Amino acid sequence: MPDGLRQRWFTLDLQRLQAGDDPHAAMAFACARVAFHVRCAWLLGWVDEALHQQILHLNACRARDCFDSWQAFGQAYARGRSQWLARGRADVLGRSVTPEQVQQWVADPRHPWHAMPWQQQAVR
């Protein structure tokens, strides 16, 4: 598993795009799913801390390159999740996320999307 993740993490969920899928929305959804999968793999002991952190960092850089804020990312994520479900693909939640829910997440001080700055802080 570690070698497969290291070599192909950036293709997860993007290799199965279908005609009519919005690639921008698919990218947001893929970024969220990569973060979830890598975190689960680390928690289960399937990958070490260094690889876990490396992929999370690279995935976050990819998301920041594609979206300019948590709000933009969240709206694209909601669209990507809806298109994923509409095409008969499923995950454990099995339901869409509304734009209103995204707005609540971004505004809620307890939610990580509000608490974490979108742009990485400069290291001094």
PDB file of N, CA and C in Angstrom:
ATOM      1  N   MET A   1       0.799  -1.200   0.000  1.00  0.00           N
ATOM      2  CA  MET A   1       0.000   0.000   0.000  1.00  0.00           C
ATOM      3  C   MET A   1       0.849   1.275   0.000  1.00  0.00           C
ATOM      4  N   PRO A   2       1.886   1.367   0.814  1.00  0.00           N
ATOM      5  CA  PRO A   2       2.659   2.609   0.814  1.00  0.00           C
ATOM      6  C   PRO A   2       3.208   2.976  -0.571  1.00  0.00           C
ATOM      7  N   ASP A   3       3.746   2.011  -1.286  1.00  0.00           N
ATOM      8  CA  ASP A   3       4.297   2.324  -2.614  1.00  0.00           C
ATOM      9  C   ASP A   3       3.202   2.765  -3.576  1.00  0.00           C
ATOM     10  N   GLY A   4       2.055   2.094  -3.536  1.00  0.00           N
ATOM     11  CA  GLY A   4       0.941   2.483  -4.395  1.00  0.00           C
ATOM     12  C   GLY A   4       0.461   3.890  -4.111  1.00  0.00           C
ATOM     13  N   LEU A   5       0.339   4.241  -2.841  1.00  0.00           N
ATOM     14  CA  LEU A   5      -0.059   5.609  -2.480  1.00  0.00           C
ATOM     15  C   LEU A   5       0.978   6.624  -2.940  1.00  0.00           C
ATOM     16  N   ARG A   6       2.219   6.322  -2.678  1.00  0.00           N
ATOM     17  CA  ARG A   6       3.306   7.236  -3.040  1.00  0.00           C
ATOM     18  C   ARG A   6       3.312   7.516  -4.544  1.00  0.00           C
ATOM     19  N   GLN A   7       3.041   6.515  -5.342  1.00  0.00           N
ATOM     20  CA  GLN A   7       3.133   6.644  -6.791  1.00  0.00           C
ATOM     21  C   GLN A   7       1.856   7.126  -7.465  1.00  0.00           C
ATOM     22  N   ARG A   8       0.688   6.909  -6.813  1.00  0.00           N
ATOM     23  CA  ARG A   8      -0.569   7.215  -7.508  1.00  0.00           C
ATOM     24  C   ARG A   8      -1.588   7.991  -6.686  1.00  0.00           C
ATOM     25  N   TRP A   9      -1.213   8.598  -5.569  1.00  0.00           N
ATOM     26  CA  TRP A   9      -2.193   9.283  -4.727  1.00  0.00           C
ATOM     27  C   TRP A   9      -2.967  10.339  -5.506  1.00  0.00           C
ATOM     28  N   PHE A  10      -2.298  11.000  -6.446  1.00  0.00           N
ATOM     29  CA  PHE A  10      -2.894  12.130  -7.163  1.00  0.00           C
ATOM     30  C   PHE A  10      -3.912  11.708  -8.209  1.00  0.00           C
ATOM     31  N   THR A  11      -4.026  10.407  -8.480  1.00  0.00           N
ATOM     32  CA  THR A  11      -5.013   9.937  -9.453  1.00  0.00           C
ATOM     33  C   THR A  11      -6.263   9.365  -8.784  1.00  0.00           C
ATOM     34  N   LEU A  12      -6.235   9.188  -7.469  1.00  0.00           N
ATOM     35  CA  LEU A  12      -7.377   8.578  -6.786  1.00  0.00           C
ATOM     36  C   LEU A  12      -8.657   9.340  -7.097  1.00  0.00           C
ATOM     37  N   ASP A  13      -9.641   8.635  -7.545  1.00  0.00           N
ATOM     38  CA  ASP A  13     -10.974   9.139  -7.893  1.00  0.00           C
ATOM     39  C   ASP A  13     -11.009   9.967  -9.162  1.00  0.00           C
ATOM     40  N   LEU A  14      -9.888  10.298  -9.738  1.00  0.00           N
ATOM     41  CA  LEU A  14      -9.885  11.072 -10.980  1.00  0.00           C
ATOM     42  C   LEU A  14      -9.774  10.170 -12.198  1.00  0.00           C
ATOM     43  N   GLN A  15      -9.348   8.933 -12.005  1.00  0.00           N
ATOM     44  CA  GLN A  15      -9.196   8.020 -13.133  1.00  0.00           C
ATOM     45  C   GLN A  15     -10.543   7.477 -13.593  1.00  0.00           C
ATOM     46  N   ARG A  16     -11.598   7.715 -12.830  1.00  0.00           N
ATOM     47  CA  ARG A  16     -12.914   7.182 -13.185  1.00  0.00           C
ATOM     48  C   ARG A  16     -13.907   8.281 -13.561  1.00  0.00           C
ATOM     49  N   LEU A  17     -13.421   9.396 -14.070  1.00  0.00           N
ATOM     50  CA  LEU A  17     -14.337  10.445 -14.502  1.00  0.00           C
ATOM     51  C   LEU A  17     -15.167   9.941 -15.662  1.00  0.00           C
ATOM     52  N   GLN A  18     -16.395  10.382 -15.711  1.00  0.00           N
ATOM     53  CA  GLN A  18     -17.299   9.985 -16.778  1.00  0.00           C
ATOM     54  C   GLN A  18     -17.625  11.196 -17.635  1.00  0.00           C
ATOM     55  N   ALA A  19     -18.079  10.940 -18.848  1.00  0.00           N
ATOM     56  CA  ALA A  19     -18.478  12.027 -19.744  1.00  0.00           C
ATOM     57  C   ALA A  19     -19.505  12.889 -19.023  1.00  0.00           C
ATOM     58  N   GLY A  20     -19.315  14.163 -19.076  1.00  0.00           N
ATOM     59  CA  GLY A  20     -20.237  15.086 -18.426  1.00  0.00           C
ATOM     60  C   GLY A  20     -19.830  15.483 -17.021  1.00  0.00           C
ATOM     61  N   ASP A  21     -18.866  14.789 -16.427  1.00  0.00           N
ATOM     62  CA  ASP A  21     -18.397  15.190 -15.097  1.00  0.00           C
ATOM     63  C   ASP A  21     -17.686  16.535 -15.194  1.00  0.00           C
ATOM     64  N   ASP A  22     -17.902  17.375 -14.206  1.00  0.00           N
ATOM     65  CA  ASP A  22     -17.208  18.656 -14.100  1.00  0.00           C
ATOM     66  C   ASP A  22     -15.844  18.378 -13.471  1.00  0.00           C
ATOM     67  N   PRO A  23     -14.750  18.551 -14.232  1.00  0.00           N
ATOM     68  CA  PRO A  23     -13.425  18.213 -13.690  1.00  0.00           C
ATOM     69  C   PRO A  23     -13.042  19.039 -12.461  1.00  0.00           C
ATOM     70  N   HIS A  24     -13.456  20.296 -12.404  1.00  0.00           N
ATOM     71  CA  HIS A  24     -13.129  21.155 -11.252  1.00  0.00           C
ATOM     72  C   HIS A  24     -13.807  20.620  -9.991  1.00  0.00           C
ATOM     73  N   ALA A  25     -15.073  20.245 -10.113  1.00  0.00           N
ATOM     74  CA  ALA A  25     -15.803  19.665  -8.989  1.00  0.00           C
ATOM     75  C   ALA A  25     -15.202  18.313  -8.610  1.00  0.00           C
ATOM     76  N   ALA A  26     -14.847  17.523  -9.608  1.00  0.00           N
ATOM     77  CA  ALA A  26     -14.232  16.219  -9.341  1.00  0.00           C
ATOM     78  C   ALA A  26     -12.909  16.381  -8.602  1.00  0.00           C
ATOM     79  N   MET A  27     -12.143  17.413  -8.928  1.00  0.00           N
ATOM     80  CA  MET A  27     -10.863  17.655  -8.250  1.00  0.00           C
ATOM     81  C   MET A  27     -11.084  17.948  -6.767  1.00  0.00           C
ATOM     82  N   ALA A  28     -12.060  18.772  -6.448  1.00  0.00           N
ATOM     83  CA  ALA A  28     -12.330  19.084  -5.039  1.00  0.00           C
ATOM     84  C   ALA A  28     -12.743  17.822  -4.283  1.00  0.00           C
ATOM     85  N   PHE A  29     -13.624  17.048  -4.891  1.00  0.00           N
ATOM     86  CA  PHE A  29     -14.077  15.819  -4.247  1.00  0.00           C
ATOM     87  C   PHE A  29     -12.918  14.835  -4.086  1.00  0.00           C
ATOM     88  N   ALA A  30     -12.077  14.744  -5.090  1.00  0.00           N
ATOM     89  CA  ALA A  30     -10.913  13.856  -5.015  1.00  0.00           C
ATOM     90  C   ALA A  30      -9.957  14.302  -3.911  1.00  0.00           C
ATOM     91  N   CYS A  31      -9.728  15.608  -3.786  1.00  0.00           N
ATOM     92  CA  CYS A  31      -8.844  16.107  -2.723  1.00  0.00           C
ATOM     93  C   CYS A  31      -9.377  15.713  -1.349  1.00  0.00           C
ATOM     94  N   ALA A  32     -10.684  15.846  -1.154  1.00  0.00           N
ATOM     95  CA  ALA A  32     -11.277  15.486   0.138  1.00  0.00           C
ATOM     96  C   ALA A  32     -11.157  13.989   0.387  1.00  0.00           C
ATOM     97  N   ARG A  33     -11.405  13.193  -0.631  1.00  0.00           N
ATOM     98  CA  ARG A  33     -11.334  11.741  -0.458  1.00  0.00           C
ATOM     99  C   ARG A  33      -9.899  11.267  -0.243  1.00  0.00           C
ATOM    100  N   VAL A  34      -8.936  11.877  -0.912  1.00  0.00           N
ATOM    101  CA  VAL A  34      -7.530  11.509  -0.689  1.00  0.00           C
ATOM    102  C   VAL A  34      -7.155  11.782   0.761  1.00  0.00           C
ATOM    103  N   ALA A  35      -7.527  12.949   1.273  1.00  0.00           N
ATOM    104  CA  ALA A  35      -7.211  13.269   2.669  1.00  0.00           C
ATOM    105  C   ALA A  35      -7.830  12.236   3.608  1.00  0.00           C
ATOM    106  N   PHE A  36      -9.072  11.883   3.361  1.00  0.00           N
ATOM    107  CA  PHE A  36      -9.758  10.889   4.194  1.00  0.00           C
ATOM    108  C   PHE A  36      -9.076   9.521   4.107  1.00  0.00           C
ATOM    109  N   HIS A  37      -8.793   9.074   2.898  1.00  0.00           N
ATOM    110  CA  HIS A  37      -8.183   7.745   2.714  1.00  0.00           C
ATOM    111  C   HIS A  37      -6.792   7.667   3.339  1.00  0.00           C
ATOM    112  N   VAL A  38      -5.997   8.699   3.147  1.00  0.00           N
ATOM    113  CA  VAL A  38      -4.635   8.693   3.698  1.00  0.00           C
ATOM    114  C   VAL A  38      -4.675   8.732   5.221  1.00  0.00           C
ATOM    115  N   ARG A  39      -5.587   9.528   5.762  1.00  0.00           N
ATOM    116  CA  ARG A  39      -5.718   9.591   7.223  1.00  0.00           C
ATOM    117  C   ARG A  39      -6.138   8.227   7.773  1.00  0.00           C
ATOM    118  N   CYS A  40      -7.092   7.572   7.120  1.00  0.00           N
ATOM    119  CA  CYS A  40      -7.522   6.233   7.560  1.00  0.00           C
ATOM    120  C   CYS A  40      -6.383   5.224   7.465  1.00  0.00           C
ATOM    121  N   ALA A  41      -5.640   5.263   6.368  1.00  0.00           N
ATOM    122  CA  ALA A  41      -4.515   4.334   6.196  1.00  0.00           C
ATOM    123  C   ALA A  41      -3.489   4.533   7.304  1.00  0.00           C
ATOM    124  N   TRP A  42      -3.240   5.771   7.686  1.00  0.00           N
ATOM    125  CA  TRP A  42      -2.288   6.059   8.759  1.00  0.00           C
ATOM    126  C   TRP A  42      -2.837   5.557  10.096  1.00  0.00           C
ATOM    127  N   LEU A  43      -4.116   5.849  10.372  1.00  0.00           N
ATOM    128  CA  LEU A  43      -4.713   5.414  11.638  1.00  0.00           C
ATOM    129  C   LEU A  43      -4.719   3.888  11.772  1.00  0.00           C
ATOM    130  N   LEU A  44      -4.835   3.195  10.652  1.00  0.00           N
ATOM    131  CA  LEU A  44      -4.818   1.736  10.668  1.00  0.00           C
ATOM    132  C   LEU A  44      -3.405   1.151  10.676  1.00  0.00           C
ATOM    133  N   GLY A  45      -2.401   2.018  10.590  1.00  0.00           N
ATOM    134  CA  GLY A  45      -1.017   1.555  10.611  1.00  0.00           C
ATOM    135  C   GLY A  45      -0.512   1.037   9.278  1.00  0.00           C
ATOM    136  N   TRP A  46      -1.217   1.344   8.200  1.00  0.00           N
ATOM    137  CA  TRP A  46      -0.825   0.853   6.876  1.00  0.00           C
ATOM    138  C   TRP A  46       0.235   1.725   6.229  1.00  0.00           C
ATOM    139  N   VAL A  47       0.341   2.979   6.656  1.00  0.00           N
ATOM    140  CA  VAL A  47       1.396   3.873   6.162  1.00  0.00           C
ATOM    141  C   VAL A  47       2.025   4.558   7.368  1.00  0.00           C
ATOM    142  N   ASP A  48       3.270   4.939   7.237  1.00  0.00           N
ATOM    143  CA  ASP A  48       3.942   5.595   8.351  1.00  0.00           C
ATOM    144  C   ASP A  48       3.627   7.092   8.386  1.00  0.00           C
ATOM    145  N   GLU A  49       4.003   7.705   9.482  1.00  0.00           N
ATOM    146  CA  GLU A  49       3.719   9.133   9.694  1.00  0.00           C
ATOM    147  C   GLU A  49       4.320  10.011   8.599  1.00  0.00           C
ATOM    148  N   ALA A  50       5.525   9.709   8.181  1.00  0.00           N
ATOM    149  CA  ALA A  50       6.192  10.539   7.166  1.00  0.00           C
ATOM    150  C   ALA A  50       5.419  10.532   5.840  1.00  0.00           C
ATOM    151  N   LEU A  51       5.005   9.366   5.377  1.00  0.00           N
ATOM    152  CA  LEU A  51       4.250   9.284   4.129  1.00  0.00           C
ATOM    153  C   LEU A  51       2.881   9.938   4.293  1.00  0.00           C
ATOM    154  N   HIS A  52       2.249   9.701   5.407  1.00  0.00           N
ATOM    155  CA  HIS A  52       0.957  10.316   5.724  1.00  0.00           C
ATOM    156  C   HIS A  52       1.054  11.835   5.608  1.00  0.00           C
ATOM    157  N   GLN A  53       2.031  12.422   6.265  1.00  0.00           N
ATOM    158  CA  GLN A  53       2.203  13.878   6.235  1.00  0.00           C
ATOM    159  C   GLN A  53       2.594  14.372   4.844  1.00  0.00           C
ATOM    160  N   GLN A  54       3.437  13.633   4.152  1.00  0.00           N
ATOM    161  CA  GLN A  54       3.861  14.041   2.812  1.00  0.00           C
ATOM    162  C   GLN A  54       2.670  14.111   1.854  1.00  0.00           C
ATOM    163  N   ILE A  55       1.842  13.079   1.845  1.00  0.00           N
ATOM    164  CA  ILE A  55       0.702  13.067   0.923  1.00  0.00           C
ATOM    165  C   ILE A  55      -0.322  14.119   1.328  1.00  0.00           C
ATOM    166  N   LEU A  56      -0.581  14.286   2.616  1.00  0.00           N
ATOM    167  CA  LEU A  56      -1.506  15.337   3.043  1.00  0.00           C
ATOM    168  C   LEU A  56      -1.001  16.715   2.606  1.00  0.00           C
ATOM    169  N   HIS A  57       0.300  16.944   2.735  1.00  0.00           N
ATOM    170  CA  HIS A  57       0.881  18.220   2.321  1.00  0.00           C
ATOM    171  C   HIS A  57       0.740  18.424   0.806  1.00  0.00           C
ATOM    172  N   LEU A  58       1.110  17.419   0.030  1.00  0.00           N
ATOM    173  CA  LEU A  58       1.009  17.542  -1.432  1.00  0.00           C
ATOM    174  C   LEU A  58      -0.443  17.720  -1.876  1.00  0.00           C
ATOM    175  N   ASN A  59      -1.349  17.009  -1.232  1.00  0.00           N
ATOM    176  CA  ASN A  59      -2.767  17.122  -1.550  1.00  0.00           C
ATOM    177  C   ASN A  59      -3.287  18.524  -1.207  1.00  0.00           C
ATOM    178  N   ALA A  60      -2.864  19.066  -0.075  1.00  0.00           N
ATOM    179  CA  ALA A  60      -3.265  20.428   0.305  1.00  0.00           C
ATOM    180  C   ALA A  60      -2.714  21.451  -0.688  1.00  0.00           C
ATOM    181  N   CYS A  61      -1.487  21.255  -1.135  1.00  0.00           N
ATOM    182  CA  CYS A  61      -0.910  22.157  -2.149  1.00  0.00           C
ATOM    183  C   CYS A  61      -1.719  22.099  -3.441  1.00  0.00           C
ATOM    184  N   ARG A  62      -2.110  20.904  -3.833  1.00  0.00           N
ATOM    185  CA  ARG A  62      -2.926  20.749  -5.037  1.00  0.00           C
ATOM    186  C   ARG A  62      -4.256  21.482  -4.875  1.00  0.00           C
ATOM    187  N   ALA A  63      -4.897  21.333  -3.728  1.00  0.00           N
ATOM    188  CA  ALA A  63      -6.177  22.016  -3.493  1.00  0.00           C
ATOM    189  C   ALA A  63      -6.001  23.533  -3.524  1.00  0.00           C
ATOM    190  N   ARG A  64      -4.944  24.040  -2.897  1.00  0.00           N
ATOM    191  CA  ARG A  64      -4.706  25.503  -2.896  1.00  0.00           C
ATOM    192  C   ARG A  64      -4.390  26.014  -4.290  1.00  0.00           C
ATOM    193  N   ASP A  65      -3.764  25.189  -5.131  1.00  0.00           N
ATOM    194  CA  ASP A  65      -3.485  25.587  -6.512  1.00  0.00           C
ATOM    195  C   ASP A  65      -4.764  25.657  -7.350  1.00  0.00           C
ATOM    196  N   CYS A  66      -5.748  24.843  -7.007  1.00  0.00           N
ATOM    197  CA  CYS A  66      -6.977  24.744  -7.802  1.00  0.00           C
ATOM    198  C   CYS A  66      -8.103  25.642  -7.294  1.00  0.00           C
ATOM    199  N   PHE A  67      -8.071  26.027  -6.026  1.00  0.00           N
ATOM    200  CA  PHE A  67      -9.158  26.801  -5.412  1.00  0.00           C
ATOM    201  C   PHE A  67      -8.561  27.937  -4.600  1.00  0.00           C
ATOM    202  N   ASP A  68      -9.288  29.042  -4.491  1.00  0.00           N
ATOM    203  CA  ASP A  68      -8.707  30.200  -3.806  1.00  0.00           C
ATOM    204  C   ASP A  68      -9.183  30.399  -2.366  1.00  0.00           C
ATOM    205  N   SER A  69     -10.088  29.537  -1.878  1.00  0.00           N
ATOM    206  CA  SER A  69     -10.581  29.684  -0.503  1.00  0.00           C
ATOM    207  C   SER A  69     -11.302  28.415  -0.081  1.00  0.00           C
ATOM    208  N   TRP A  70     -11.566  28.335   1.232  1.00  0.00           N
ATOM    209  CA  TRP A  70     -12.375  27.221   1.716  1.00  0.00           C
ATOM    210  C   TRP A  70     -13.760  27.266   1.076  1.00  0.00           C
ATOM    211  N   GLN A  71     -14.289  28.461   0.894  1.00  0.00           N
ATOM    212  CA  GLN A  71     -15.610  28.605   0.296  1.00  0.00           C
ATOM    213  C   GLN A  71     -15.625  28.045  -1.132  1.00  0.00           C
ATOM    214  N   ALA A  72     -14.644  28.428  -1.944  1.00  0.00           N
ATOM    215  CA  ALA A  72     -14.572  27.938  -3.329  1.00  0.00           C
ATOM    216  C   ALA A  72     -14.362  26.425  -3.358  1.00  0.00           C
ATOM    217  N   PHE A  73     -13.474  25.950  -2.496  1.00  0.00           N
ATOM    218  CA  PHE A  73     -13.243  24.509  -2.409  1.00  0.00           C
ATOM    219  C   PHE A  73     -14.521  23.791  -1.988  1.00  0.00           C
ATOM    220  N   GLY A  74     -15.180  24.304  -0.961  1.00  0.00           N
ATOM    221  CA  GLY A  74     -16.389  23.671  -0.440  1.00  0.00           C
ATOM    222  C   GLY A  74     -17.511  23.618  -1.458  1.00  0.00           C
ATOM    223  N   GLN A  75     -17.709  24.695  -2.202  1.00  0.00           N
ATOM    224  CA  GLN A  75     -18.765  24.707  -3.216  1.00  0.00           C
ATOM    225  C   GLN A  75     -18.458  23.684  -4.316  1.00  0.00           C
ATOM    226  N   ALA A  76     -17.190  23.624  -4.731  1.00  0.00           N
ATOM    227  CA  ALA A  76     -16.796  22.628  -5.740  1.00  0.00           C
ATOM    228  C   ALA A  76     -16.922  21.218  -5.178  1.00  0.00           C
ATOM    229  N   TYR A  77     -16.554  21.037  -3.913  1.00  0.00           N
ATOM    230  CA  TYR A  77     -16.702  19.737  -3.256  1.00  0.00           C
ATOM    231  C   TYR A  77     -18.166  19.294  -3.256  1.00  0.00           C
ATOM    232  N   ALA A  78     -19.081  20.201  -2.927  1.00  0.00           N
ATOM    233  CA  ALA A  78     -20.509  19.869  -2.909  1.00  0.00           C
ATOM    234  C   ALA A  78     -20.980  19.440  -4.300  1.00  0.00           C
ATOM    235  N   ARG A  79     -20.538  20.165  -5.326  1.00  0.00           N
ATOM    236  CA  ARG A  79     -20.906  19.789  -6.696  1.00  0.00           C
ATOM    237  C   ARG A  79     -20.283  18.438  -7.069  1.00  0.00           C
ATOM    238  N   GLY A  80     -19.033  18.232  -6.685  1.00  0.00           N
ATOM    239  CA  GLY A  80     -18.359  16.973  -6.991  1.00  0.00           C
ATOM    240  C   GLY A  80     -19.012  15.792  -6.296  1.00  0.00           C
ATOM    241  N   ARG A  81     -19.412  15.981  -5.065  1.00  0.00           N
ATOM    242  CA  ARG A  81     -20.085  14.920  -4.322  1.00  0.00           C
ATOM    243  C   ARG A  81     -21.431  14.589  -4.977  1.00  0.00           C
ATOM    244  N   SER A  82     -22.155  15.617  -5.394  1.00  0.00           N
ATOM    245  CA  SER A  82     -23.445  15.398  -6.059  1.00  0.00           C
ATOM    246  C   SER A  82     -23.270  14.646  -7.372  1.00  0.00           C
ATOM    247  N   GLN A  83     -22.253  15.031  -8.141  1.00  0.00           N
ATOM    248  CA  GLN A  83     -22.055  14.335  -9.423  1.00  0.00           C
ATOM    249  C   GLN A  83     -21.589  12.899  -9.196  1.00  0.00           C
ATOM    250  N   TRP A  84     -20.812  12.663  -8.153  1.00  0.00           N
ATOM    251  CA  TRP A  84     -20.365  11.314  -7.809  1.00  0.00           C
ATOM    252  C   TRP A  84     -21.576  10.432  -7.508  1.00  0.00           C
ATOM    253  N   LEU A  85     -22.479  10.930  -6.692  1.00  0.00           N
ATOM    254  CA  LEU A  85     -23.665  10.154  -6.320  1.00  0.00           C
ATOM    255  C   LEU A  85     -24.635  10.000  -7.485  1.00  0.00           C
ATOM    256  N   ALA A  86     -24.770  11.035  -8.312  1.00  0.00           N
ATOM    257  CA  ALA A  86     -25.709  11.000  -9.431  1.00  0.00           C
ATOM    258  C   ALA A  86     -25.312   9.958 -10.476  1.00  0.00           C
ATOM    259  N   ARG A  87     -24.049   9.647 -10.549  1.00  0.00           N
ATOM    260  CA  ARG A  87     -23.566   8.681 -11.541  1.00  0.00           C
ATOM    261  C   ARG A  87     -23.540   7.257 -10.986  1.00  0.00           C
ATOM    262  N   GLY A  88     -24.194   7.046  -9.857  1.00  0.00           N
ATOM    263  CA  GLY A  88     -24.276   5.700  -9.311  1.00  0.00           C
ATOM    264  C   GLY A  88     -23.063   5.290  -8.502  1.00  0.00           C
ATOM    265  N   ARG A  89     -22.143   6.204  -8.288  1.00  0.00           N
ATOM    266  CA  ARG A  89     -21.002   5.905  -7.433  1.00  0.00           C
ATOM    267  C   ARG A  89     -21.443   6.224  -6.009  1.00  0.00           C
ATOM    268  N   ALA A  90     -20.895   5.583  -5.041  1.00  0.00           N
ATOM    269  CA  ALA A  90     -21.367   5.786  -3.675  1.00  0.00           C
ATOM    270  C   ALA A  90     -20.206   5.748  -2.688  1.00  0.00           C
ATOM    271  N   ASP A  91     -20.481   6.234  -1.514  1.00  0.00           N
ATOM    272  CA  ASP A  91     -19.552   6.122  -0.399  1.00  0.00           C
ATOM    273  C   ASP A  91     -20.375   5.913   0.866  1.00  0.00           C
ATOM    274  N   VAL A  92     -19.727   5.920   2.005  1.00  0.00           N
ATOM    275  CA  VAL A  92     -20.421   5.577   3.242  1.00  0.00           C
ATOM    276  C   VAL A  92     -21.509   6.575   3.622  1.00  0.00           C
ATOM    277  N   LEU A  93     -21.361   7.840   3.268  1.00  0.00           N
ATOM    278  CA  LEU A  93     -22.392   8.815   3.602  1.00  0.00           C
ATOM    279  C   LEU A  93     -23.606   8.677   2.692  1.00  0.00           C
ATOM    280  N   GLY A  94     -23.357   8.471   1.405  1.00  0.00           N
ATOM    281  CA  GLY A  94     -24.425   8.235   0.460  1.00  0.00           C
ATOM    282  C   GLY A  94     -25.392   9.379   0.259  1.00  0.00           C
ATOM    283  N   ARG A  95     -24.994  10.588   0.598  1.00  0.00           N
ATOM    284  CA  ARG A  95     -25.886  11.730   0.397  1.00  0.00           C
ATOM    285  C   ARG A  95     -25.084  12.935  -0.056  1.00  0.00           C
ATOM    286  N   SER A  96     -25.797  13.864  -0.663  1.00  0.00           N
ATOM    287  CA  SER A  96     -25.158  15.082  -1.152  1.00  0.00           C
ATOM    288  C   SER A  96     -24.917  16.069  -0.014  1.00  0.00           C
ATOM    289  N   VAL A  97     -24.091  17.037  -0.293  1.00  0.00           N
ATOM    290  CA  VAL A  97     -23.842  18.152   0.611  1.00  0.00           C
ATOM    291  C   VAL A  97     -24.405  19.386  -0.076  1.00  0.00           C
ATOM    292  N   THR A  98     -25.156  20.179   0.657  1.00  0.00           N
ATOM    293  CA  THR A  98     -25.766  21.367   0.059  1.00  0.00           C
ATOM    294  C   THR A  98     -24.832  22.564   0.159  1.00  0.00           C
ATOM    295  N   PRO A  99     -25.007  23.552  -0.725  1.00  0.00           N
ATOM    296  CA  PRO A  99     -24.231  24.790  -0.606  1.00  0.00           C
ATOM    297  C   PRO A  99     -24.445  25.472   0.753  1.00  0.00           C
ATOM    298  N   GLU A 100     -25.640  25.317   1.311  1.00  0.00           N
ATOM    299  CA  GLU A 100     -25.915  25.910   2.629  1.00  0.00           C
ATOM    300  C   GLU A 100     -25.085  25.235   3.721  1.00  0.00           C
ATOM    301  N   GLN A 101     -24.905  23.927   3.618  1.00  0.00           N
ATOM    302  CA  GLN A 101     -24.064  23.231   4.595  1.00  0.00           C
ATOM    303  C   GLN A 101     -22.613  23.704   4.485  1.00  0.00           C
ATOM    304  N   VAL A 102     -22.147  23.858   3.262  1.00  0.00           N
ATOM    305  CA  VAL A 102     -20.775  24.351   3.069  1.00  0.00           C
ATOM    306  C   VAL A 102     -20.628  25.722   3.717  1.00  0.00           C
ATOM    307  N   GLN A 103     -21.590  26.593   3.506  1.00  0.00           N
ATOM    308  CA  GLN A 103     -21.540  27.937   4.095  1.00  0.00           C
ATOM    309  C   GLN A 103     -21.492  27.854   5.617  1.00  0.00           C
ATOM    310  N   GLN A 104     -22.266  26.933   6.199  1.00  0.00           N
ATOM    311  CA  GLN A 104     -22.251  26.758   7.651  1.00  0.00           C
ATOM    312  C   GLN A 104     -20.882  26.280   8.128  1.00  0.00           C
ATOM    313  N   TRP A 105     -20.275  25.337   7.395  1.00  0.00           N
ATOM    314  CA  TRP A 105     -18.954  24.836   7.776  1.00  0.00           C
ATOM    315  C   TRP A 105     -17.922  25.948   7.757  1.00  0.00           C
ATOM    316  N   VAL A 106     -17.961  26.759   6.721  1.00  0.00           N
ATOM    317  CA  VAL A 106     -16.976  27.835   6.582  1.00  0.00           C
ATOM    318  C   VAL A 106     -17.176  28.892   7.674  1.00  0.00           C
ATOM    319  N   ALA A 107     -18.412  29.115   8.091  1.00  0.00           N
ATOM    320  CA  ALA A 107     -18.706  30.144   9.087  1.00  0.00           C
ATOM    321  C   ALA A 107     -18.567  29.652  10.529  1.00  0.00           C
ATOM    322  N   ASP A 108     -18.635  28.351  10.751  1.00  0.00           N
ATOM    323  CA  ASP A 108     -18.616  27.789  12.105  1.00  0.00           C
ATOM    324  C   ASP A 108     -17.191  27.788  12.662  1.00  0.00           C
ATOM    325  N   PRO A 109     -16.937  28.547  13.731  1.00  0.00           N
ATOM    326  CA  PRO A 109     -15.579  28.608  14.298  1.00  0.00           C
ATOM    327  C   PRO A 109     -15.047  27.269  14.785  1.00  0.00           C
ATOM    328  N   ARG A 110     -15.942  26.310  15.040  1.00  0.00           N
ATOM    329  CA  ARG A 110     -15.504  24.982  15.513  1.00  0.00           C
ATOM    330  C   ARG A 110     -15.157  24.047  14.371  1.00  0.00           C
ATOM    331  N   HIS A 111     -15.550  24.385  13.167  1.00  0.00           N
ATOM    332  CA  HIS A 111     -15.280  23.510  12.017  1.00  0.00           C
ATOM    333  C   HIS A 111     -13.857  23.759  11.514  1.00  0.00           C
ATOM    334  N   PRO A 112     -13.125  22.696  11.162  1.00  0.00           N
ATOM    335  CA  PRO A 112     -11.747  22.871  10.674  1.00  0.00           C
ATOM    336  C   PRO A 112     -11.643  23.808   9.474  1.00  0.00           C
ATOM    337  N   TRP A 113     -12.681  23.853   8.633  1.00  0.00           N
ATOM    338  CA  TRP A 113     -12.612  24.732   7.470  1.00  0.00           C
ATOM    339  C   TRP A 113     -12.641  26.196   7.860  1.00  0.00           C
ATOM    340  N   HIS A 114     -13.135  26.502   9.021  1.00  0.00           N
ATOM    341  CA  HIS A 114     -13.107  27.887   9.501  1.00  0.00           C
ATOM    342  C   HIS A 114     -11.816  28.142  10.284  1.00  0.00           C
ATOM    343  N   ALA A 115     -11.433  27.158  11.076  1.00  0.00           N
ATOM    344  CA  ALA A 115     -10.304  27.331  11.990  1.00  0.00           C
ATOM    345  C   ALA A 115      -8.944  27.331  11.290  1.00  0.00           C
ATOM    346  N   MET A 116      -8.829  26.620  10.176  1.00  0.00           N
ATOM    347  CA  MET A 116      -7.533  26.526   9.490  1.00  0.00           C
ATOM    348  C   MET A 116      -7.471  27.534   8.353  1.00  0.00           C
ATOM    349  N   PRO A 117      -6.404  28.313   8.286  1.00  0.00           N
ATOM    350  CA  PRO A 117      -6.298  29.254   7.166  1.00  0.00           C
ATOM    351  C   PRO A 117      -6.149  28.497   5.845  1.00  0.00           C
ATOM    352  N   TRP A 118      -6.749  29.027   4.780  1.00  0.00           N
ATOM    353  CA  TRP A 118      -6.652  28.369   3.476  1.00  0.00           C
ATOM    354  C   TRP A 118      -5.223  28.390   2.979  1.00  0.00           C
ATOM    355  N   GLN A 119      -4.604  29.535   3.002  1.00  0.00           N
ATOM    356  CA  GLN A 119      -3.211  29.633   2.529  1.00  0.00           C
ATOM    357  C   GLN A 119      -2.287  29.239   3.663  1.00  0.00           C
ATOM    358  N   GLN A 120      -1.294  28.440   3.313  1.00  0.00           N
ATOM    359  CA  GLN A 120      -0.313  28.015   4.314  1.00  0.00           C
ATOM    360  C   GLN A 120       0.478  29.216   4.778  1.00  0.00           C
ATOM    361  N   GLN A 121       0.682  29.290   6.085  1.00  0.00           N
ATOM    362  CA  GLN A 121       1.450  30.397   6.658  1.00  0.00           C
ATOM    363  C   GLN A 121       2.925  30.234   6.317  1.00  0.00           C
ATOM    364  N   ALA A 122       3.577  31.321   6.046  1.00  0.00           N
ATOM    365  CA  ALA A 122       5.008  31.290   5.725  1.00  0.00           C
ATOM    366  C   ALA A 122       5.800  30.816   6.926  1.00  0.00           C
ATOM    367  N   VAL A 123       6.785  29.965   6.671  1.00  0.00           N
ATOM    368  CA  VAL A 123       7.659  29.470   7.741  1.00  0.00           C
ATOM    369  C   VAL A 123       8.803  30.468   7.911  1.00  0.00           C
ATOM    370  N   ARG A 124       9.056  30.852   9.131  1.00  0.00           N
ATOM    371  CA  ARG A 124      10.126  31.819   9.399  1.00  0.00           C
ATOM    372  C   ARG A 124      11.274  31.183  10.113  1.00  0.00           C
TER     373      ARG A 124
END
